[in-house]
């Protein structure tokens, strides 16, 4: 049985799989070292795992025959993760987690286990060869045109949803600003008594979660935006009840004091989310100038 999580790997698992006499399956790959691993091989392996079901790279295991390995360990190497990441030439870049460092009993050697998870940004292309790799059994094979096309369409569809999310939170920031302006200049700015809805934010977050799950900061900030909108709805109800009781001055003072800080914090959060969506997920800013 192959450990399912990076933190579950232990020395006994490595030895058991090394002496099993079975070929490496599609979920792990043994390597003796990383320094001598060619970038082409590292990229093929990483793209294959990321484009399929994900997998683990176990460093410190020497192949001594067909389906035969020796768990010898690897000399301590503080830069091993950097070496591996530098050798992977993929577009977009493949996420590599770890390493989990496992001691070899009776030796100074270590085993380094890396996880390359199934990617939410599939398909990843080998920048050295232009090939889209997939993991099949113990090796990587080129993906078919239809497989690549399906993954690209799925990824682009989710990115389009995130563009809709970007427009929605910008619209909510403008809505808050307009309501504050009404309090300051009620004779000029018409007032919208409707509540601030979070329906689109909820729906898009759910539908595009396979992209967002790798960026918990974005998800947390979206949750905070929804909380602020809920608080703003409470303030709006209080304002409307006071306005209906003809306590206009008291209503405006209360609303301005409460909604002003919410609006400022909301606008700041929107800017942060915008930046992360554009820089980390490649979301297209629909308001940015387009160059022909």
C-alpha atoms as a PDB file:
ATOM      1  CA  UNK A   1       0.000   0.000   0.000  1.00  0.00           C
ATOM      2  CA  UNK A   2       1.326   3.435  -0.962  1.00  0.00           C
ATOM      3  CA  UNK A   3       1.047   6.257   1.587  1.00  0.00           C
ATOM      4  CA  UNK A   4      -1.539   8.790   0.461  1.00  0.00           C
ATOM      5  CA  UNK A   5      -0.034  11.871   2.098  1.00  0.00           C
ATOM      6  CA  UNK A   6       3.487  13.244   2.191  1.00  0.00           C
ATOM      7  CA  UNK A   7       3.546  13.220   5.987  1.00  0.00           C
ATOM      8  CA  UNK A   8       2.577   9.513   6.062  1.00  0.00           C
ATOM      9  CA  UNK A   9       5.808   8.284   4.470  1.00  0.00           C
ATOM     10  CA  UNK A  10       8.191   6.370   6.750  1.00  0.00           C
ATOM     11  CA  UNK A  11      11.380   4.334   6.391  1.00  0.00           C
ATOM     12  CA  UNK A  12       9.477   1.034   6.471  1.00  0.00           C
ATOM     13  CA  UNK A  13       7.332   2.143   3.505  1.00  0.00           C
ATOM     14  CA  UNK A  14      10.392   2.912   1.395  1.00  0.00           C
ATOM     15  CA  UNK A  15      12.087  -0.407   2.183  1.00  0.00           C
ATOM     16  CA  UNK A  16       8.875  -2.387   1.630  1.00  0.00           C
ATOM     17  CA  UNK A  17       8.301  -0.857  -1.808  1.00  0.00           C
ATOM     18  CA  UNK A  18      11.982  -1.145  -2.781  1.00  0.00           C
ATOM     19  CA  UNK A  19      12.152  -4.912  -2.117  1.00  0.00           C
ATOM     20  CA  UNK A  20       8.663  -5.713  -3.413  1.00  0.00           C
ATOM     21  CA  UNK A  21       9.938  -6.782  -6.831  1.00  0.00           C
ATOM     22  CA  UNK A  22       7.180  -4.799  -8.518  1.00  0.00           C
ATOM     23  CA  UNK A  23       7.697  -2.014 -11.066  1.00  0.00           C
ATOM     24  CA  UNK A  24       7.145   1.552  -9.960  1.00  0.00           C
ATOM     25  CA  UNK A  25       3.440   2.364 -10.374  1.00  0.00           C
ATOM     26  CA  UNK A  26       1.975   5.650 -11.517  1.00  0.00           C
ATOM     27  CA  UNK A  27       2.007   7.100  -7.969  1.00  0.00           C
ATOM     28  CA  UNK A  28       5.720   7.066  -7.059  1.00  0.00           C
ATOM     29  CA  UNK A  29       9.171   7.108  -8.618  1.00  0.00           C
ATOM     30  CA  UNK A  30      12.503   6.138  -7.055  1.00  0.00           C
ATOM     31  CA  UNK A  31      15.616   8.232  -7.623  1.00  0.00           C
ATOM     32  CA  UNK A  32      19.121   7.734  -6.254  1.00  0.00           C
ATOM     33  CA  UNK A  33      20.003  11.419  -6.454  1.00  0.00           C
ATOM     34  CA  UNK A  34      18.720  14.721  -7.800  1.00  0.00           C
ATOM     35  CA  UNK A  35      21.993  16.428  -8.697  1.00  0.00           C
ATOM     36  CA  UNK A  36      22.672  14.048 -11.598  1.00  0.00           C
ATOM     37  CA  UNK A  37      19.036  14.036 -12.787  1.00  0.00           C
ATOM     38  CA  UNK A  38      18.791  15.690 -16.198  1.00  0.00           C
ATOM     39  CA  UNK A  39      16.311  18.593 -16.541  1.00  0.00           C
ATOM     40  CA  UNK A  40      14.517  16.740 -19.353  1.00  0.00           C
ATOM     41  CA  UNK A  41      13.876  13.726 -17.136  1.00  0.00           C
ATOM     42  CA  UNK A  42      12.918  15.864 -14.138  1.00  0.00           C
ATOM     43  CA  UNK A  43      10.471  17.862 -16.261  1.00  0.00           C
ATOM     44  CA  UNK A  44       8.920  14.779 -17.842  1.00  0.00           C
ATOM     45  CA  UNK A  45       8.433  13.176 -14.430  1.00  0.00           C
ATOM     46  CA  UNK A  46       6.979  16.314 -12.813  1.00  0.00           C
ATOM     47  CA  UNK A  47       4.574  17.063 -15.679  1.00  0.00           C
ATOM     48  CA  UNK A  48       3.472  13.438 -15.799  1.00  0.00           C
ATOM     49  CA  UNK A  49       2.522  13.417 -12.134  1.00  0.00           C
ATOM     50  CA  UNK A  50       0.950  16.908 -12.167  1.00  0.00           C
ATOM     51  CA  UNK A  51      -1.122  16.218 -15.284  1.00  0.00           C
ATOM     52  CA  UNK A  52      -2.453  12.878 -14.041  1.00  0.00           C
ATOM     53  CA  UNK A  53      -3.109  11.798 -10.453  1.00  0.00           C
ATOM     54  CA  UNK A  54      -0.097  13.279  -8.694  1.00  0.00           C
ATOM     55  CA  UNK A  55       2.693  11.255  -7.140  1.00  0.00           C
ATOM     56  CA  UNK A  56       5.808  11.029  -4.989  1.00  0.00           C
ATOM     57  CA  UNK A  57       9.506  11.189  -5.811  1.00  0.00           C
ATOM     58  CA  UNK A  58      11.597   9.203  -3.305  1.00  0.00           C
ATOM     59  CA  UNK A  59      15.267  10.148  -3.362  1.00  0.00           C
ATOM     60  CA  UNK A  60      17.897   7.787  -1.967  1.00  0.00           C
ATOM     61  CA  UNK A  61      16.868   4.531  -3.648  1.00  0.00           C
ATOM     62  CA  UNK A  62      19.251   2.846  -6.098  1.00  0.00           C
ATOM     63  CA  UNK A  63      18.037   0.622  -8.938  1.00  0.00           C
ATOM     64  CA  UNK A  64      20.111  -2.584  -8.974  1.00  0.00           C
ATOM     65  CA  UNK A  65      18.087  -4.563 -11.507  1.00  0.00           C
ATOM     66  CA  UNK A  66      14.733  -4.873 -13.255  1.00  0.00           C
ATOM     67  CA  UNK A  67      12.142  -4.011 -10.618  1.00  0.00           C
ATOM     68  CA  UNK A  68      14.827  -4.285  -7.963  1.00  0.00           C
ATOM     69  CA  UNK A  69      15.965  -1.397  -5.747  1.00  0.00           C
ATOM     70  CA  UNK A  70      18.218  -0.864  -2.775  1.00  0.00           C
ATOM     71  CA  UNK A  71      17.229   1.721  -0.141  1.00  0.00           C
ATOM     72  CA  UNK A  72      20.729   3.111   0.416  1.00  0.00           C
ATOM     73  CA  UNK A  73      19.762   6.656   1.401  1.00  0.00           C
ATOM     74  CA  UNK A  74      21.282   9.957   0.319  1.00  0.00           C
ATOM     75  CA  UNK A  75      23.937  12.138   1.892  1.00  0.00           C
ATOM     76  CA  UNK A  76      22.411  15.103   3.768  1.00  0.00           C
ATOM     77  CA  UNK A  77      21.641  17.890   1.297  1.00  0.00           C
ATOM     78  CA  UNK A  78      20.023  21.112   2.501  1.00  0.00           C
ATOM     79  CA  UNK A  79      19.643  22.379  -1.070  1.00  0.00           C
ATOM     80  CA  UNK A  80      18.019  19.294  -2.558  1.00  0.00           C
ATOM     81  CA  UNK A  81      14.600  20.961  -2.968  1.00  0.00           C
ATOM     82  CA  UNK A  82      16.181  23.882  -4.821  1.00  0.00           C
ATOM     83  CA  UNK A  83      18.040  21.504  -7.118  1.00  0.00           C
ATOM     84  CA  UNK A  84      14.836  19.663  -8.010  1.00  0.00           C
ATOM     85  CA  UNK A  85      12.776  22.801  -8.615  1.00  0.00           C
ATOM     86  CA  UNK A  86      15.533  24.330 -10.762  1.00  0.00           C
ATOM     87  CA  UNK A  87      15.588  21.279 -13.027  1.00  0.00           C
ATOM     88  CA  UNK A  88      11.825  21.326 -13.750  1.00  0.00           C
ATOM     89  CA  UNK A  89      11.144  23.409 -16.871  1.00  0.00           C
ATOM     90  CA  UNK A  90       7.363  23.437 -17.190  1.00  0.00           C
ATOM     91  CA  UNK A  91       4.695  25.950 -18.161  1.00  0.00           C
ATOM     92  CA  UNK A  92       2.936  26.766 -15.908  1.00  0.00           C
ATOM     93  CA  UNK A  93       5.425  25.797 -13.220  1.00  0.00           C
ATOM     94  CA  UNK A  94       4.710  22.561 -11.371  1.00  0.00           C
ATOM     95  CA  UNK A  95       4.163  22.666  -7.605  1.00  0.00           C
ATOM     96  CA  UNK A  96       6.599  20.493  -5.636  1.00  0.00           C
ATOM     97  CA  UNK A  97       5.872  19.873  -1.952  1.00  0.00           C
ATOM     98  CA  UNK A  98       8.394  18.784   0.617  1.00  0.00           C
ATOM     99  CA  UNK A  99      10.757  17.209   1.110  1.00  0.00           C
ATOM    100  CA  UNK A 100       9.811  14.957   3.961  1.00  0.00           C
ATOM    101  CA  UNK A 101      13.181  13.926   5.403  1.00  0.00           C
ATOM    102  CA  UNK A 102      13.435  10.365   6.724  1.00  0.00           C
ATOM    103  CA  UNK A 103      16.465   9.028   8.574  1.00  0.00           C
ATOM    104  CA  UNK A 104      18.089   5.781   7.539  1.00  0.00           C
ATOM    105  CA  UNK A 105      18.657   3.720  10.711  1.00  0.00           C
ATOM    106  CA  UNK A 106      22.331   3.198  11.563  1.00  0.00           C
ATOM    107  CA  UNK A 107      23.509   5.720   8.988  1.00  0.00           C
ATOM    108  CA  UNK A 108      23.904   9.450   8.470  1.00  0.00           C
ATOM    109  CA  UNK A 109      22.087   9.112   5.155  1.00  0.00           C
ATOM    110  CA  UNK A 110      18.567  10.398   4.604  1.00  0.00           C
ATOM    111  CA  UNK A 111      15.653   9.730   2.328  1.00  0.00           C
ATOM    112  CA  UNK A 112      13.961  12.738   0.753  1.00  0.00           C
ATOM    113  CA  UNK A 113      10.332  12.338  -0.267  1.00  0.00           C
ATOM    114  CA  UNK A 114       8.726  14.978  -2.494  1.00  0.00           C
ATOM    115  CA  UNK A 115       5.086  15.184  -3.489  1.00  0.00           C
ATOM    116  CA  UNK A 116       3.931  16.514  -6.847  1.00  0.00           C
ATOM    117  CA  UNK A 117       0.165  16.840  -6.417  1.00  0.00           C
ATOM    118  CA  UNK A 118      -2.413  16.521  -9.137  1.00  0.00           C
ATOM    119  CA  UNK A 119      -2.461  20.056 -10.447  1.00  0.00           C
ATOM    120  CA  UNK A 120      -5.418  22.414 -10.539  1.00  0.00           C
ATOM    121  CA  UNK A 121      -3.625  24.271 -13.347  1.00  0.00           C
ATOM    122  CA  UNK A 122      -3.404  21.331 -15.738  1.00  0.00           C
ATOM    123  CA  UNK A 123      -2.177  20.766 -18.354  1.00  0.00           C
ATOM    124  CA  UNK A 124       1.503  21.529 -17.752  1.00  0.00           C
ATOM    125  CA  UNK A 125       3.689  21.631 -20.833  1.00  0.00           C
ATOM    126  CA  UNK A 126       7.297  20.526 -21.024  1.00  0.00           C
ATOM    127  CA  UNK A 127       9.084  23.774 -21.923  1.00  0.00           C
ATOM    128  CA  UNK A 128      12.069  21.808 -23.261  1.00  0.00           C
ATOM    129  CA  UNK A 129      10.171  19.631 -25.763  1.00  0.00           C
ATOM    130  CA  UNK A 130       6.699  21.192 -26.020  1.00  0.00           C
ATOM    131  CA  UNK A 131       5.115  17.886 -24.969  1.00  0.00           C
ATOM    132  CA  UNK A 132       2.245  17.499 -22.483  1.00  0.00           C
ATOM    133  CA  UNK A 133       3.114  14.412 -20.435  1.00  0.00           C
ATOM    134  CA  UNK A 134       0.865  12.046 -18.496  1.00  0.00           C
ATOM    135  CA  UNK A 135       1.846   9.297 -16.088  1.00  0.00           C
ATOM    136  CA  UNK A 136       1.048   5.769 -17.246  1.00  0.00           C
ATOM    137  CA  UNK A 137       2.193   2.936 -14.949  1.00  0.00           C
ATOM    138  CA  UNK A 138       5.924   3.440 -14.325  1.00  0.00           C
ATOM    139  CA  UNK A 139       6.614   5.965 -17.090  1.00  0.00           C
ATOM    140  CA  UNK A 140       5.416   9.192 -18.675  1.00  0.00           C
ATOM    141  CA  UNK A 141       3.777   9.265 -22.099  1.00  0.00           C
ATOM    142  CA  UNK A 142       2.639  12.128 -24.347  1.00  0.00           C
ATOM    143  CA  UNK A 143      -0.987  13.154 -23.906  1.00  0.00           C
ATOM    144  CA  UNK A 144      -3.282  13.005 -26.908  1.00  0.00           C
ATOM    145  CA  UNK A 145      -4.639  16.134 -28.558  1.00  0.00           C
ATOM    146  CA  UNK A 146      -8.122  15.462 -27.170  1.00  0.00           C
ATOM    147  CA  UNK A 147      -6.770  15.002 -23.630  1.00  0.00           C
ATOM    148  CA  UNK A 148      -4.861  18.286 -23.774  1.00  0.00           C
ATOM    149  CA  UNK A 149      -7.839  20.110 -25.278  1.00  0.00           C
ATOM    150  CA  UNK A 150     -10.221  18.875 -22.582  1.00  0.00           C
ATOM    151  CA  UNK A 151      -7.920  20.005 -19.780  1.00  0.00           C
ATOM    152  CA  UNK A 152      -7.325  23.393 -21.385  1.00  0.00           C
ATOM    153  CA  UNK A 153     -11.033  24.034 -21.842  1.00  0.00           C
ATOM    154  CA  UNK A 154     -11.770  23.037 -18.248  1.00  0.00           C
ATOM    155  CA  UNK A 155      -9.026  25.295 -16.905  1.00  0.00           C
ATOM    156  CA  UNK A 156     -10.052  28.269 -19.057  1.00  0.00           C
ATOM    157  CA  UNK A 157     -13.692  27.875 -18.043  1.00  0.00           C
ATOM    158  CA  UNK A 158     -12.747  28.169 -14.381  1.00  0.00           C
ATOM    159  CA  UNK A 159     -10.515  31.153 -15.050  1.00  0.00           C
ATOM    160  CA  UNK A 160     -13.419  32.879 -16.792  1.00  0.00           C
ATOM    161  CA  UNK A 161     -15.501  32.302 -13.657  1.00  0.00           C
ATOM    162  CA  UNK A 162     -12.761  33.941 -11.603  1.00  0.00           C
ATOM    163  CA  UNK A 163     -12.882  36.936 -13.948  1.00  0.00           C
ATOM    164  CA  UNK A 164     -16.592  37.153 -13.114  1.00  0.00           C
ATOM    165  CA  UNK A 165     -15.652  37.026  -9.429  1.00  0.00           C
ATOM    166  CA  UNK A 166     -13.200  39.875  -9.952  1.00  0.00           C
ATOM    167  CA  UNK A 167     -15.901  42.028 -11.534  1.00  0.00           C
ATOM    168  CA  UNK A 168     -18.359  41.161  -8.769  1.00  0.00           C
ATOM    169  CA  UNK A 169     -16.149  42.195  -5.853  1.00  0.00           C
ATOM    170  CA  UNK A 170     -15.213  45.392  -7.658  1.00  0.00           C
ATOM    171  CA  UNK A 171     -18.902  46.105  -8.095  1.00  0.00           C
ATOM    172  CA  UNK A 172     -19.537  45.523  -4.408  1.00  0.00           C
ATOM    173  CA  UNK A 173     -16.777  48.007  -3.520  1.00  0.00           C
ATOM    174  CA  UNK A 174     -18.427  50.616  -5.750  1.00  0.00           C
ATOM    175  CA  UNK A 175     -21.814  49.846  -4.185  1.00  0.00           C
ATOM    176  CA  UNK A 176     -20.426  50.486  -0.699  1.00  0.00           C
ATOM    177  CA  UNK A 177     -18.806  53.727  -1.865  1.00  0.00           C
ATOM    178  CA  UNK A 178     -22.087  54.926  -3.420  1.00  0.00           C
ATOM    179  CA  UNK A 179     -24.006  54.240  -0.213  1.00  0.00           C
ATOM    180  CA  UNK A 180     -21.463  56.187   1.812  1.00  0.00           C
ATOM    181  CA  UNK A 181     -21.679  59.026  -0.682  1.00  0.00           C
ATOM    182  CA  UNK A 182     -25.461  59.076  -0.235  1.00  0.00           C
ATOM    183  CA  UNK A 183     -24.992  59.598   3.486  1.00  0.00           C
ATOM    184  CA  UNK A 184     -22.611  62.477   2.866  1.00  0.00           C
ATOM    185  CA  UNK A 185     -24.620  64.121   0.050  1.00  0.00           C
ATOM    186  CA  UNK A 186     -28.154  62.658   0.074  1.00  0.00           C
ATOM    187  CA  UNK A 187     -29.502  65.405  -2.171  1.00  0.00           C
ATOM    188  CA  UNK A 188     -27.069  64.440  -4.945  1.00  0.00           C
ATOM    189  CA  UNK A 189     -26.535  60.693  -4.689  1.00  0.00           C
ATOM    190  CA  UNK A 190     -29.628  58.454  -5.044  1.00  0.00           C
ATOM    191  CA  UNK A 191     -29.816  55.702  -2.461  1.00  0.00           C
ATOM    192  CA  UNK A 192     -30.058  51.985  -3.206  1.00  0.00           C
ATOM    193  CA  UNK A 193     -31.899  50.331  -0.353  1.00  0.00           C
ATOM    194  CA  UNK A 194     -31.134  46.782  -1.516  1.00  0.00           C
ATOM    195  CA  UNK A 195     -28.955  44.380   0.431  1.00  0.00           C
ATOM    196  CA  UNK A 196     -25.398  43.437  -0.551  1.00  0.00           C
ATOM    197  CA  UNK A 197     -25.736  39.941  -2.004  1.00  0.00           C
ATOM    198  CA  UNK A 198     -22.962  37.321  -1.734  1.00  0.00           C
ATOM    199  CA  UNK A 199     -24.656  34.858  -4.107  1.00  0.00           C
ATOM    200  CA  UNK A 200     -22.207  35.256  -6.992  1.00  0.00           C
ATOM    201  CA  UNK A 201     -19.180  35.161  -4.681  1.00  0.00           C
ATOM    202  CA  UNK A 202     -20.491  31.927  -3.111  1.00  0.00           C
ATOM    203  CA  UNK A 203     -21.276  30.292  -6.449  1.00  0.00           C
ATOM    204  CA  UNK A 204     -18.026  31.153  -8.198  1.00  0.00           C
ATOM    205  CA  UNK A 205     -15.940  30.163  -5.169  1.00  0.00           C
ATOM    206  CA  UNK A 206     -17.646  26.760  -5.226  1.00  0.00           C
ATOM    207  CA  UNK A 207     -17.432  26.246  -9.006  1.00  0.00           C
ATOM    208  CA  UNK A 208     -13.779  27.308  -9.271  1.00  0.00           C
ATOM    209  CA  UNK A 209     -12.616  25.786  -5.988  1.00  0.00           C
ATOM    210  CA  UNK A 210     -10.298  23.335  -7.755  1.00  0.00           C
ATOM    211  CA  UNK A 211      -8.227  26.387  -8.752  1.00  0.00           C
ATOM    212  CA  UNK A 212      -8.648  28.315  -5.506  1.00  0.00           C
ATOM    213  CA  UNK A 213      -7.846  25.451  -3.114  1.00  0.00           C
ATOM    214  CA  UNK A 214      -4.116  25.906  -3.620  1.00  0.00           C
ATOM    215  CA  UNK A 215      -4.416  29.522  -2.499  1.00  0.00           C
ATOM    216  CA  UNK A 216      -5.983  29.499   0.984  1.00  0.00           C
ATOM    217  CA  UNK A 217      -5.187  33.197   1.450  1.00  0.00           C
ATOM    218  CA  UNK A 218      -7.557  34.088  -1.389  1.00  0.00           C
ATOM    219  CA  UNK A 219     -10.307  31.857   0.020  1.00  0.00           C
ATOM    220  CA  UNK A 220      -9.861  33.369   3.492  1.00  0.00           C
ATOM    221  CA  UNK A 221     -10.059  36.896   2.102  1.00  0.00           C
ATOM    222  CA  UNK A 222     -13.219  36.071   0.150  1.00  0.00           C
ATOM    223  CA  UNK A 223     -14.761  34.741   3.375  1.00  0.00           C
ATOM    224  CA  UNK A 224     -13.822  37.991   5.099  1.00  0.00           C
ATOM    225  CA  UNK A 225     -15.431  39.995   2.281  1.00  0.00           C
ATOM    226  CA  UNK A 226     -18.674  38.074   2.767  1.00  0.00           C
ATOM    227  CA  UNK A 227     -18.568  38.715   6.500  1.00  0.00           C
ATOM    228  CA  UNK A 228     -18.097  42.445   5.897  1.00  0.00           C
ATOM    229  CA  UNK A 229     -21.022  42.500   3.480  1.00  0.00           C
ATOM    230  CA  UNK A 230     -23.180  40.801   6.101  1.00  0.00           C
ATOM    231  CA  UNK A 231     -22.196  43.444   8.642  1.00  0.00           C
ATOM    232  CA  UNK A 232     -22.939  46.175   6.092  1.00  0.00           C
ATOM    233  CA  UNK A 233     -26.415  44.714   5.562  1.00  0.00           C
ATOM    234  CA  UNK A 234     -27.081  45.024   9.296  1.00  0.00           C
ATOM    235  CA  UNK A 235     -25.943  48.651   9.190  1.00  0.00           C
ATOM    236  CA  UNK A 236     -28.177  49.338   6.204  1.00  0.00           C
ATOM    237  CA  UNK A 237     -31.224  47.873   7.966  1.00  0.00           C
ATOM    238  CA  UNK A 238     -30.532  50.047  10.992  1.00  0.00           C
ATOM    239  CA  UNK A 239     -30.163  53.096   8.753  1.00  0.00           C
ATOM    240  CA  UNK A 240     -33.453  52.412   6.970  1.00  0.00           C
ATOM    241  CA  UNK A 241     -35.316  51.926  10.242  1.00  0.00           C
ATOM    242  CA  UNK A 242     -34.073  55.238  11.614  1.00  0.00           C
ATOM    243  CA  UNK A 243     -34.729  57.029   8.338  1.00  0.00           C
ATOM    244  CA  UNK A 244     -38.280  55.664   8.377  1.00  0.00           C
ATOM    245  CA  UNK A 245     -38.692  57.023  11.899  1.00  0.00           C
ATOM    246  CA  UNK A 246     -37.657  60.456  10.555  1.00  0.00           C
ATOM    247  CA  UNK A 247     -34.424  60.433  12.529  1.00  0.00           C
ATOM    248  CA  UNK A 248     -32.452  61.296   9.391  1.00  0.00           C
ATOM    249  CA  UNK A 249     -29.529  62.992  11.074  1.00  0.00           C
ATOM    250  CA  UNK A 250     -29.048  60.159  13.550  1.00  0.00           C
ATOM    251  CA  UNK A 251     -29.384  57.589  10.796  1.00  0.00           C
ATOM    252  CA  UNK A 252     -26.766  59.267   8.616  1.00  0.00           C
ATOM    253  CA  UNK A 253     -24.332  59.694  11.481  1.00  0.00           C
ATOM    254  CA  UNK A 254     -24.638  56.045  12.525  1.00  0.00           C
ATOM    255  CA  UNK A 255     -24.395  54.717   8.972  1.00  0.00           C
ATOM    256  CA  UNK A 256     -21.406  56.896   8.141  1.00  0.00           C
ATOM    257  CA  UNK A 257     -19.542  55.878  11.277  1.00  0.00           C
ATOM    258  CA  UNK A 258     -20.142  52.160  10.666  1.00  0.00           C
ATOM    259  CA  UNK A 259     -20.047  51.795   6.896  1.00  0.00           C
ATOM    260  CA  UNK A 260     -17.003  54.036   6.345  1.00  0.00           C
ATOM    261  CA  UNK A 261     -14.464  51.683   8.006  1.00  0.00           C
ATOM    262  CA  UNK A 262     -16.120  48.665   6.367  1.00  0.00           C
ATOM    263  CA  UNK A 263     -15.833  50.312   2.943  1.00  0.00           C
ATOM    264  CA  UNK A 264     -12.151  51.158   3.448  1.00  0.00           C
ATOM    265  CA  UNK A 265     -11.270  47.661   4.624  1.00  0.00           C
ATOM    266  CA  UNK A 266     -13.353  46.123   1.845  1.00  0.00           C
ATOM    267  CA  UNK A 267     -11.608  48.177  -0.843  1.00  0.00           C
ATOM    268  CA  UNK A 268      -8.196  47.140   0.507  1.00  0.00           C
ATOM    269  CA  UNK A 269      -9.169  43.463   0.504  1.00  0.00           C
ATOM    270  CA  UNK A 270     -10.504  43.718  -3.042  1.00  0.00           C
ATOM    271  CA  UNK A 271      -7.166  45.139  -4.209  1.00  0.00           C
ATOM    272  CA  UNK A 272      -5.291  42.277  -2.548  1.00  0.00           C
ATOM    273  CA  UNK A 273      -7.563  39.618  -4.051  1.00  0.00           C
ATOM    274  CA  UNK A 274      -7.341  41.242  -7.490  1.00  0.00           C
ATOM    275  CA  UNK A 275      -3.553  41.164  -7.363  1.00  0.00           C
ATOM    276  CA  UNK A 276      -3.441  37.512  -6.319  1.00  0.00           C
ATOM    277  CA  UNK A 277      -6.006  36.384  -8.903  1.00  0.00           C
ATOM    278  CA  UNK A 278      -4.067  38.115 -11.679  1.00  0.00           C
ATOM    279  CA  UNK A 279      -0.531  37.231 -10.575  1.00  0.00           C
ATOM    280  CA  UNK A 280      -1.042  33.709  -9.203  1.00  0.00           C
ATOM    281  CA  UNK A 281      -3.917  32.365 -11.283  1.00  0.00           C
ATOM    282  CA  UNK A 282      -3.458  34.320 -14.496  1.00  0.00           C
ATOM    283  CA  UNK A 283      -6.933  35.822 -14.378  1.00  0.00           C
ATOM    284  CA  UNK A 284      -7.347  38.421 -17.120  1.00  0.00           C
ATOM    285  CA  UNK A 285      -8.214  41.880 -15.861  1.00  0.00           C
ATOM    286  CA  UNK A 286     -11.096  42.944 -18.131  1.00  0.00           C
ATOM    287  CA  UNK A 287     -10.413  46.625 -17.427  1.00  0.00           C
ATOM    288  CA  UNK A 288      -6.744  46.449 -18.447  1.00  0.00           C
ATOM    289  CA  UNK A 289      -5.844  47.970 -21.857  1.00  0.00           C
ATOM    290  CA  UNK A 290      -5.457  45.409 -24.607  1.00  0.00           C
ATOM    291  CA  UNK A 291      -2.562  45.571 -27.031  1.00  0.00           C
ATOM    292  CA  UNK A 292      -3.043  44.356 -30.576  1.00  0.00           C
END
